[in-house]
Amino acid sequence: MRMFEYCRTPFLLICAFFALCYGGQSLALEPLCQPIVPKKNEGIHLSKAGTYCLKADLKIADRHWFFPDGPSGLPYEAVDIEGDNIIFDLREHSVHAGNASLGIRIENAGPANYEPGQQPRQPQQVVIRNGKLDTTASVGIRSGFYELSVPSDMGHPLETVQTTGMSKDQLAKSFARHQQLGEEIFHSQLALRPVRAADYQQRSIRIENIHINARYSKKISSRARDGAINIQGAGTIIRNCVIETDGSTALWLFGPNAVIENNTIIVHGASPVREADAPIRLHHGDGALIRNNRIVIKDGANRRGISVFDTGAITVEKNTFYGMTEKDDVAKAFTGSLEIKESGSRFEPAWKAVFAGHK
């Protein structure tokens, strides 16, 4: 017995040594996750590099219906990310943004639109993963430009104008005046964007394994809808997500070399539908790779998968389009020409999406 114990001691020491070595290596590869315990109706602000993990659901209440036009006291956005090299892991929890707050914003202290040719440096190497996000006030994840691609996205010129009691002549003059104002706003917004795909910042934002529900409760307008994700910058990756919106455009992506793969993208086509609407809009989207996605087009949404604007060659492969046929456009160029390498596309009736698990 003593001899056995004597022999066992070195063996245990050797085992402990290897356990420490390999265990230490494993721990070194797994970044330290800083816990975030959310408080109801308080937003989360992240500005320092690191990995952050949500420990419970984040809930932002709806605006109180007694005071619809007064201050809500609710945060401007549920989650605000302003720094580089940040991983926000929801750990299968959810972020509920309510009807008065934005969802997740990835921008440096304010909107991305400043002056032409003077875009500030925006957060880079940001990852959002593993959870659920729902919003009814605006786009789910925003880090881009205003949702404008072509002039018709501005909506009807007199939509917000009180026209009761106007004569035909007054209506015509008001229409012309507001249409001109809309065109000026449209062109001023376009001027804020980079001129070429090569001019975009290399931001490398990644959205992975997130279920985004951006079905709005607000009044439907004739302007282009916000969608679910809006990102400007090169190298965007959207992977393994479920993305759903009431409108007819789910993704607004500005910049080259995006990768959109293994997602389910559902557009409900809430009326009215704009001419350039598509589940995916690419602006200066040269080099985009769109593959292995399930794109579900419902109700009155345009029977089109992708709309491109001043975009070079893209690759579209092995996607399934529910609600489209071989006669519909997989992609269409509204500005510039369409350069596409397409292969493996499948077309199915919209009702089949239910049986495939995509309601």
Protein backbone atom coordinates (compact mmCIF):
# COMPACT_ATOMS: atom_id res chain seq x y z
CA MET A 1 0.00 0.00 0.00
CA ARG A 2 2.79 2.42 0.89
CA MET A 3 4.61 1.60 -2.36
CA PHE A 4 1.40 2.32 -4.33
CA GLU A 5 0.94 5.69 -2.63
CA TYR A 6 4.60 6.54 -3.21
CA CYS A 7 4.26 5.78 -6.95
CA ARG A 8 0.93 7.57 -7.23
CA THR A 9 2.29 10.90 -5.93
CA PRO A 10 4.53 11.72 -8.94
CA PHE A 11 1.74 10.59 -11.26
CA LEU A 12 -0.71 13.02 -9.66
CA LEU A 13 1.83 15.82 -9.82
CA ILE A 14 2.34 15.19 -13.53
CA CYS A 15 -1.43 15.18 -14.10
CA ALA A 16 -1.81 18.43 -12.17
CA PHE A 17 1.02 20.00 -14.20
CA PHE A 18 -0.67 19.18 -17.53
CA ALA A 19 -4.05 20.26 -16.22
CA LEU A 20 -2.66 23.63 -15.23
CA CYS A 21 -0.86 24.04 -18.54
CA TYR A 22 -3.81 23.15 -20.77
CA GLY A 23 -6.40 24.66 -18.47
CA GLY A 24 -4.44 27.90 -18.30
CA GLN A 25 -4.14 27.94 -22.08
CA SER A 26 -7.89 27.46 -22.43
CA LEU A 27 -8.62 30.28 -20.01
CA ALA A 28 -6.18 32.53 -21.84
CA LEU A 29 -8.08 31.95 -25.09
CA GLU A 30 -11.44 32.83 -23.50
CA PRO A 31 -11.64 36.62 -22.93
CA LEU A 32 -12.82 37.88 -19.58
CA CYS A 33 -16.49 38.75 -19.84
CA GLN A 34 -17.54 41.77 -17.82
CA PRO A 35 -21.08 41.25 -16.50
CA ILE A 36 -23.76 43.87 -17.11
CA VAL A 37 -26.78 43.76 -14.82
CA PRO A 38 -29.39 45.94 -16.56
CA LYS A 39 -31.83 48.19 -14.77
CA LYS A 40 -35.33 48.71 -16.07
CA ASN A 41 -35.72 51.87 -18.18
CA GLU A 42 -31.99 52.63 -18.05
CA GLY A 43 -29.87 52.37 -21.16
CA ILE A 44 -26.46 50.70 -21.40
CA HIS A 45 -23.43 52.74 -22.47
CA LEU A 46 -20.24 51.01 -23.68
CA SER A 47 -17.14 53.03 -24.58
CA LYS A 48 -14.12 51.00 -23.40
CA ALA A 49 -12.67 48.01 -25.24
CA GLY A 50 -13.64 44.65 -23.80
CA THR A 51 -16.15 41.81 -23.76
CA TYR A 52 -19.44 42.56 -21.99
CA CYS A 53 -22.11 40.00 -21.11
CA LEU A 54 -25.74 40.75 -20.34
CA LYS A 55 -26.86 39.00 -17.14
CA ALA A 56 -30.62 39.54 -17.54
CA ASP A 57 -33.15 40.98 -19.99
CA LEU A 58 -32.99 44.73 -20.60
CA LYS A 59 -36.46 46.29 -20.67
CA ILE A 60 -37.28 49.85 -21.69
CA ALA A 61 -40.96 50.67 -21.17
CA ASP A 62 -43.27 52.20 -23.74
CA ARG A 63 -44.08 55.92 -23.59
CA HIS A 64 -47.01 56.51 -21.28
CA TRP A 65 -50.15 57.03 -23.31
CA PHE A 66 -51.38 59.77 -20.93
CA PHE A 67 -48.56 62.07 -22.12
CA PRO A 68 -47.81 61.10 -25.73
CA ASP A 69 -46.15 64.44 -26.59
CA GLY A 70 -44.38 65.16 -23.32
CA PRO A 71 -40.91 64.09 -22.14
CA SER A 72 -40.90 60.34 -21.63
CA GLY A 73 -37.98 60.18 -19.20
CA LEU A 74 -36.82 57.11 -21.13
CA PRO A 75 -33.33 56.70 -22.65
CA TYR A 76 -32.67 57.81 -26.21
CA GLU A 77 -31.45 54.30 -27.03
CA ALA A 78 -31.42 50.99 -25.18
CA VAL A 79 -27.73 50.35 -25.88
CA ASP A 80 -25.15 52.93 -26.95
CA ILE A 81 -21.72 51.72 -28.17
CA GLU A 82 -19.08 54.40 -28.75
CA GLY A 83 -15.73 52.57 -28.55
CA ASP A 84 -13.56 50.22 -30.60
CA ASN A 85 -12.96 46.51 -29.96
CA ILE A 86 -16.16 45.92 -28.03
CA ILE A 87 -18.01 42.61 -27.87
CA PHE A 88 -21.56 42.81 -26.53
CA ASP A 89 -22.78 39.28 -25.79
CA LEU A 90 -26.44 39.08 -24.82
CA ARG A 91 -25.96 35.52 -23.55
CA GLU A 92 -29.40 34.54 -24.91
CA HIS A 93 -31.09 37.43 -23.10
CA SER A 94 -33.27 40.05 -24.81
CA VAL A 95 -33.23 43.81 -25.27
CA HIS A 96 -36.69 45.37 -25.44
CA ALA A 97 -36.42 48.99 -26.58
CA GLY A 98 -40.04 50.05 -26.21
CA ASN A 99 -41.81 52.58 -28.43
CA ALA A 100 -39.88 55.69 -27.38
CA SER A 101 -36.25 54.52 -27.52
CA LEU A 102 -33.96 53.36 -30.29
CA GLY A 103 -32.50 49.88 -30.18
CA ILE A 104 -28.70 49.58 -30.37
CA ARG A 105 -26.64 52.51 -31.69
CA ILE A 106 -22.98 52.16 -32.71
CA GLU A 107 -21.79 55.73 -33.22
CA ASN A 108 -19.46 58.27 -31.71
CA ALA A 109 -21.44 60.75 -29.62
CA GLY A 110 -24.10 61.70 -32.10
CA PRO A 111 -25.44 60.88 -35.55
CA ALA A 112 -23.10 59.82 -38.32
CA ASN A 113 -24.16 62.67 -40.60
CA TYR A 114 -22.05 65.81 -40.18
CA GLU A 115 -20.48 67.70 -43.07
CA PRO A 116 -19.57 66.50 -46.57
CA GLY A 117 -16.08 65.00 -46.63
CA GLN A 118 -15.68 65.33 -42.85
CA GLN A 119 -17.08 62.11 -41.46
CA PRO A 120 -15.80 61.50 -37.94
CA ARG A 121 -14.10 58.24 -37.14
CA GLN A 122 -16.74 55.72 -36.09
CA PRO A 123 -16.42 52.71 -33.74
CA GLN A 124 -14.62 49.74 -35.25
CA GLN A 125 -14.36 46.01 -34.47
CA VAL A 126 -17.71 45.89 -32.69
CA VAL A 127 -19.50 42.55 -32.23
CA ILE A 128 -23.12 42.06 -31.13
CA ARG A 129 -24.16 38.45 -30.63
CA ASN A 130 -26.33 35.76 -29.02
CA GLY A 131 -29.73 37.14 -28.08
CA LYS A 132 -32.91 38.92 -29.07
CA LEU A 133 -33.66 42.56 -29.83
CA ASP A 134 -37.09 44.05 -30.41
CA THR A 135 -37.95 47.64 -31.15
CA THR A 136 -41.06 49.48 -32.28
CA ALA A 137 -39.71 53.04 -32.45
CA SER A 138 -36.94 52.74 -35.03
CA VAL A 139 -34.35 50.54 -36.66
CA GLY A 140 -33.01 47.76 -34.42
CA ILE A 141 -29.27 48.34 -34.91
CA ARG A 142 -28.17 51.72 -36.27
CA SER A 143 -24.74 52.83 -37.34
CA GLY A 144 -25.41 54.34 -40.73
CA PHE A 145 -26.91 57.08 -42.83
CA TYR A 146 -30.52 58.14 -43.20
CA GLU A 147 -32.73 55.64 -45.00
CA LEU A 148 -32.63 57.26 -48.42
CA SER A 149 -31.62 55.68 -51.71
CA VAL A 150 -33.64 57.45 -54.42
CA PRO A 151 -35.89 60.56 -54.32
CA SER A 152 -39.08 58.51 -54.03
CA ASP A 153 -37.90 57.32 -50.61
CA MET A 154 -38.77 60.82 -49.34
CA GLY A 155 -42.46 59.94 -49.52
CA HIS A 156 -45.39 62.08 -50.58
CA PRO A 157 -44.53 65.81 -50.39
CA LEU A 158 -47.79 66.76 -48.65
CA GLU A 159 -48.01 63.84 -46.25
CA THR A 160 -47.34 65.95 -43.16
CA VAL A 161 -48.96 69.14 -44.45
CA GLN A 162 -52.41 70.32 -43.34
CA THR A 163 -54.23 70.72 -46.68
CA THR A 164 -57.81 71.08 -45.46
CA GLY A 165 -59.53 74.04 -47.13
CA MET A 166 -56.81 74.59 -49.76
CA SER A 167 -57.84 75.42 -53.32
CA LYS A 168 -56.45 73.42 -56.25
CA ASP A 169 -54.04 76.23 -57.01
CA GLN A 170 -52.85 76.38 -53.40
CA LEU A 171 -52.45 72.60 -53.33
CA ALA A 172 -50.37 72.66 -56.50
CA LYS A 173 -48.10 75.40 -55.18
CA SER A 174 -47.71 73.69 -51.81
CA PHE A 175 -46.94 70.39 -53.54
CA ALA A 176 -44.25 71.98 -55.71
CA ARG A 177 -42.70 73.82 -52.75
CA HIS A 178 -42.52 70.76 -50.52
CA GLN A 179 -41.33 68.55 -53.35
CA GLN A 180 -38.45 70.95 -53.98
CA LEU A 181 -37.66 71.01 -50.25
CA GLY A 182 -37.65 67.21 -50.21
CA GLU A 183 -35.25 67.09 -53.15
CA GLU A 184 -32.91 69.52 -51.40
CA ILE A 185 -32.92 67.38 -48.25
CA PHE A 186 -32.32 64.25 -50.31
CA HIS A 187 -29.30 65.68 -52.14
CA SER A 188 -27.86 67.19 -48.96
CA GLN A 189 -27.99 63.75 -47.33
CA LEU A 190 -26.31 62.09 -50.30
CA ALA A 191 -23.55 64.68 -50.12
CA LEU A 192 -22.70 63.50 -46.60
CA ARG A 193 -21.80 60.02 -47.81
CA PRO A 194 -18.46 58.85 -49.19
CA VAL A 195 -18.10 59.28 -52.93
CA ARG A 196 -16.59 55.84 -53.61
CA ALA A 197 -16.62 52.43 -51.97
CA ALA A 198 -12.91 52.82 -51.25
CA ASP A 199 -13.62 55.93 -49.14
CA TYR A 200 -15.53 54.08 -46.40
CA GLN A 201 -13.91 53.42 -43.03
CA GLN A 202 -12.93 49.81 -42.36
CA ARG A 203 -15.22 49.22 -39.39
CA SER A 204 -15.71 45.44 -39.47
CA ILE A 205 -18.95 45.41 -37.46
CA ARG A 206 -20.31 41.91 -36.82
CA ILE A 207 -23.88 40.94 -35.95
CA GLU A 208 -24.15 37.24 -35.12
CA ASN A 209 -26.89 34.97 -33.79
CA ILE A 210 -29.31 37.82 -33.05
CA HIS A 211 -33.08 37.67 -33.50
CA ILE A 212 -34.24 41.18 -34.43
CA ASN A 213 -37.92 42.01 -34.40
CA ALA A 214 -38.42 45.48 -35.85
CA ARG A 215 -42.16 45.45 -36.37
CA TYR A 216 -43.28 48.99 -35.75
CA SER A 217 -46.30 50.24 -33.87
CA LYS A 218 -45.89 53.81 -35.11
CA LYS A 219 -48.03 55.30 -37.86
CA ILE A 220 -47.17 54.02 -41.30
CA SER A 221 -45.80 56.75 -43.55
CA SER A 222 -45.08 56.86 -47.27
CA ARG A 223 -41.38 57.40 -46.57
CA ALA A 224 -38.99 54.50 -46.84
CA ARG A 225 -39.10 52.47 -43.65
CA ASP A 226 -36.23 52.17 -41.17
CA GLY A 227 -35.74 48.44 -41.53
CA ALA A 228 -33.96 46.32 -38.90
CA ILE A 229 -30.21 46.98 -39.44
CA ASN A 230 -28.55 50.12 -40.82
CA ILE A 231 -24.73 50.13 -40.95
CA GLN A 232 -22.20 52.25 -42.81
CA GLY A 233 -18.59 51.13 -43.14
CA ALA A 234 -16.53 48.46 -44.85
CA GLY A 235 -16.42 44.82 -43.80
CA THR A 236 -19.85 44.41 -42.18
CA ILE A 237 -20.74 40.82 -41.29
CA ILE A 238 -24.30 39.68 -40.57
CA ARG A 239 -24.42 35.97 -39.84
CA ASN A 240 -26.83 33.38 -38.38
CA CYS A 241 -29.53 35.95 -37.54
CA VAL A 242 -33.31 36.13 -37.82
CA ILE A 243 -34.24 39.61 -39.04
CA GLU A 244 -37.84 40.70 -39.33
CA THR A 245 -39.45 44.02 -40.20
CA ASP A 246 -42.89 45.34 -41.09
CA GLY A 247 -41.50 47.30 -44.02
CA SER A 248 -40.08 46.04 -47.30
CA THR A 249 -36.41 46.72 -46.57
CA ALA A 250 -34.69 44.92 -43.69
CA LEU A 251 -30.99 45.75 -44.23
CA TRP A 252 -29.56 49.14 -45.24
CA LEU A 253 -25.82 48.61 -45.76
CA PHE A 254 -23.46 51.37 -46.87
CA GLY A 255 -19.92 50.31 -47.81
CA PRO A 256 -18.00 47.48 -49.48
CA ASN A 257 -17.14 43.88 -48.67
CA ALA A 258 -20.17 42.97 -46.58
CA VAL A 259 -20.86 39.32 -45.78
CA ILE A 260 -24.50 38.35 -45.28
CA GLU A 261 -24.82 34.63 -44.68
CA ASN A 262 -26.98 31.97 -43.05
CA ASN A 263 -29.72 34.44 -42.05
CA THR A 264 -33.50 34.38 -42.22
CA ILE A 265 -34.72 37.78 -43.45
CA ILE A 266 -38.46 38.44 -43.37
CA VAL A 267 -40.13 41.55 -44.84
CA HIS A 268 -43.85 42.03 -44.34
CA GLY A 269 -44.39 44.76 -46.92
CA ALA A 270 -46.42 47.12 -44.77
CA SER A 271 -48.06 49.62 -47.10
CA PRO A 272 -46.96 51.74 -48.84
CA VAL A 273 -44.06 50.02 -50.57
CA ARG A 274 -41.35 52.20 -52.11
CA GLU A 275 -40.00 51.52 -55.61
CA ALA A 276 -36.45 50.72 -54.42
CA ASP A 277 -37.49 48.55 -51.48
CA ALA A 278 -35.88 45.12 -51.16
CA PRO A 279 -34.97 42.97 -48.18
CA ILE A 280 -31.34 44.05 -48.73
CA ARG A 281 -30.22 47.48 -49.98
CA LEU A 282 -26.52 47.87 -50.84
CA HIS A 283 -24.93 51.31 -51.31
CA HIS A 284 -21.34 51.25 -52.59
CA GLY A 285 -21.55 47.56 -51.75
CA ASP A 286 -18.68 46.36 -53.96
CA GLY A 287 -17.50 42.87 -53.08
CA ALA A 288 -20.56 41.90 -51.04
CA LEU A 289 -21.09 38.18 -50.48
CA ILE A 290 -24.70 37.12 -49.90
CA ARG A 291 -25.06 33.38 -49.42
CA ASN A 292 -27.11 30.64 -47.76
CA ASN A 293 -29.86 33.03 -46.65
CA ARG A 294 -33.59 32.43 -46.47
CA ILE A 295 -35.38 35.56 -47.67
CA VAL A 296 -39.13 35.65 -47.04
CA ILE A 297 -41.17 38.23 -48.96
CA LYS A 298 -44.72 38.63 -47.72
CA ASP A 299 -47.89 40.51 -48.60
CA GLY A 300 -47.31 43.54 -50.83
CA ALA A 301 -43.51 43.73 -50.63
CA ASN A 302 -41.57 44.01 -53.89
CA ARG A 303 -40.70 40.67 -55.42
CA ARG A 304 -37.00 41.42 -55.36
CA GLY A 305 -34.13 40.22 -53.18
CA ILE A 306 -31.54 42.99 -53.42
CA SER A 307 -31.46 46.64 -54.56
CA VAL A 308 -28.05 48.12 -55.37
CA PHE A 309 -26.87 51.71 -55.68
CA ASP A 310 -23.49 52.65 -57.20
CA THR A 311 -22.29 49.16 -56.38
CA GLY A 312 -19.60 47.09 -58.08
CA ALA A 313 -19.51 43.32 -58.48
CA ILE A 314 -21.32 41.24 -55.84
CA THR A 315 -21.66 37.48 -55.29
CA VAL A 316 -25.05 35.93 -54.55
CA GLU A 317 -25.10 32.17 -54.02
CA LYS A 318 -27.29 29.40 -52.59
CA ASN A 319 -30.07 31.65 -51.26
CA THR A 320 -33.72 30.61 -51.01
CA PHE A 321 -36.30 33.27 -51.92
CA TYR A 322 -39.78 32.62 -50.54
CA GLY A 323 -42.49 34.59 -52.34
CA MET A 324 -40.51 34.95 -55.57
CA THR A 325 -40.26 33.05 -58.85
CA GLU A 326 -37.53 32.67 -61.47
CA LYS A 327 -39.10 35.59 -63.34
CA ASP A 328 -38.51 38.03 -60.48
CA ASP A 329 -35.32 40.04 -60.00
CA VAL A 330 -32.85 38.56 -57.56
CA ALA A 331 -31.16 41.96 -57.72
CA LYS A 332 -31.77 45.29 -59.45
CA ALA A 333 -29.57 48.37 -59.86
CA PHE A 334 -31.22 51.77 -59.34
CA THR A 335 -28.04 53.84 -59.71
CA GLY A 336 -25.04 52.47 -61.57
CA SER A 337 -25.11 49.08 -63.27
CA LEU A 338 -25.74 45.61 -61.88
CA GLU A 339 -22.68 43.38 -61.67
CA ILE A 340 -23.64 40.08 -60.10
CA LYS A 341 -22.31 36.54 -59.97
CA GLU A 342 -25.35 34.47 -59.03
CA SER A 343 -25.59 30.74 -58.47
CA GLY A 344 -27.73 28.22 -56.63
CA SER A 345 -30.79 30.43 -56.08
CA ARG A 346 -34.02 28.66 -55.14
CA PHE A 347 -37.51 30.11 -55.44
CA GLU A 348 -40.43 28.95 -53.34
CA PRO A 349 -44.00 30.15 -52.71
CA ALA A 350 -44.33 32.36 -49.63
CA TRP A 351 -46.59 29.83 -47.86
CA LYS A 352 -43.80 27.28 -47.83
CA ALA A 353 -41.80 29.50 -45.50
CA VAL A 354 -44.17 28.54 -42.68
CA PHE A 355 -43.41 24.85 -43.12
CA ALA A 356 -39.70 25.65 -43.27
CA GLY A 357 -39.99 27.32 -39.85
CA HIS A 358 -39.94 30.91 -41.14
CA LYS A 359 -43.29 32.50 -40.29
